[in-house]
Amino acid sequence: MNLSIHNLGITLGLIFGISLLVYAYLSLFYGLASPIVALLASLYPGYAASLLGGVIGLGYGFVHGYIFGALIVLISNFISML
């Protein structure tokens, strides 16, 4: 059975993107997850504990989640063909 690259890519992209958005807003409004946001800000330019930084993190998370999901599907489909 072959998995769909787009379905898993979009799903993981949304999960990763929304989690980065939530981390940024938790850090902004409540001071929670500040070490996580500081670490991710060193990896993603523009990501910060701000309203715009959360949206930028949503974009980064979606792109990286989509790529990660696509790689999982490609490896899974390749293994299932063996």
Protein backbone atom coordinates (compact mmCIF):
# COMPACT_ATOMS: atom_id res chain seq x y z
CA MET A 1 0.00 0.00 0.00
CA ASN A 2 1.43 3.37 -1.03
CA LEU A 3 1.06 6.39 1.19
CA SER A 4 0.32 9.86 -0.16
CA ILE A 5 3.21 12.32 -0.01
CA HIS A 6 0.90 15.34 0.09
CA ASN A 7 -1.40 14.04 2.83
CA LEU A 8 1.36 13.26 5.31
CA GLY A 9 3.36 16.32 4.27
CA ILE A 10 0.49 18.71 4.87
CA THR A 11 -0.44 17.00 8.13
CA LEU A 12 3.06 17.14 9.59
CA GLY A 13 3.57 20.62 8.19
CA LEU A 14 0.51 21.90 10.01
CA ILE A 15 1.48 20.13 13.22
CA PHE A 16 5.04 21.50 13.17
CA GLY A 17 3.95 24.97 12.07
CA ILE A 18 1.19 25.34 14.63
CA SER A 19 3.46 24.07 17.39
CA LEU A 20 6.06 26.76 16.55
CA LEU A 21 3.29 29.36 16.51
CA VAL A 22 2.01 28.20 19.91
CA TYR A 23 5.53 28.19 21.39
CA ALA A 24 6.11 31.77 20.25
CA TYR A 25 2.78 32.99 21.61
CA LEU A 26 3.15 31.12 24.92
CA SER A 27 6.54 32.74 25.33
CA LEU A 28 5.19 36.17 24.38
CA PHE A 29 2.07 36.23 26.53
CA TYR A 30 2.94 33.97 29.48
CA GLY A 31 6.72 33.67 29.50
CA LEU A 32 6.50 29.92 28.97
CA ALA A 33 8.69 27.96 26.53
CA SER A 34 11.24 30.78 26.41
CA PRO A 35 14.28 28.44 26.20
CA ILE A 36 12.67 26.56 23.31
CA VAL A 37 11.94 29.79 21.45
CA ALA A 38 15.48 31.05 22.07
CA LEU A 39 16.95 27.82 20.69
CA LEU A 40 14.68 27.82 17.64
CA ALA A 41 15.36 31.53 17.05
CA SER A 42 19.02 30.66 16.59
CA LEU A 43 18.04 28.19 13.86
CA TYR A 44 15.27 30.14 12.11
CA PRO A 45 15.98 33.77 11.13
CA GLY A 46 13.06 36.01 12.08
CA TYR A 47 11.52 33.57 14.56
CA ALA A 48 10.98 35.21 17.93
CA ALA A 49 8.50 35.57 20.76
CA SER A 50 6.39 38.15 18.89
CA LEU A 51 3.26 38.22 16.79
CA LEU A 52 5.20 38.37 13.52
CA GLY A 53 7.79 35.89 14.80
CA GLY A 54 5.05 33.35 15.46
CA VAL A 55 3.75 33.67 11.92
CA ILE A 56 7.29 33.30 10.56
CA GLY A 57 7.66 30.18 12.71
CA LEU A 58 4.41 28.85 11.28
CA GLY A 59 5.90 29.14 7.81
CA TYR A 60 9.19 27.52 8.77
CA GLY A 61 7.43 24.72 10.61
CA PHE A 62 5.09 24.03 7.73
CA VAL A 63 7.92 23.81 5.21
CA HIS A 64 10.10 21.60 7.40
CA GLY A 65 7.17 19.42 8.44
CA TYR A 66 6.12 18.95 4.83
CA ILE A 67 9.64 17.95 3.80
CA PHE A 68 9.93 15.57 6.76
CA GLY A 69 6.56 13.99 5.97
CA ALA A 70 7.47 13.60 2.30
CA LEU A 71 10.74 11.89 3.23
CA ILE A 72 8.94 9.50 5.58
CA VAL A 73 6.49 8.56 2.81
CA LEU A 74 9.22 8.13 0.21
CA ILE A 75 11.20 5.82 2.51
CA SER A 76 8.08 3.91 3.52
CA ASN A 77 6.93 3.45 -0.07
CA PHE A 78 10.42 2.33 -1.10
CA ILE A 79 10.57 -0.24 1.71
CA SER A 80 7.11 -1.54 0.88
CA MET A 81 8.21 -2.20 -2.73
CA LEU A 82 11.01 -4.51 -1.60
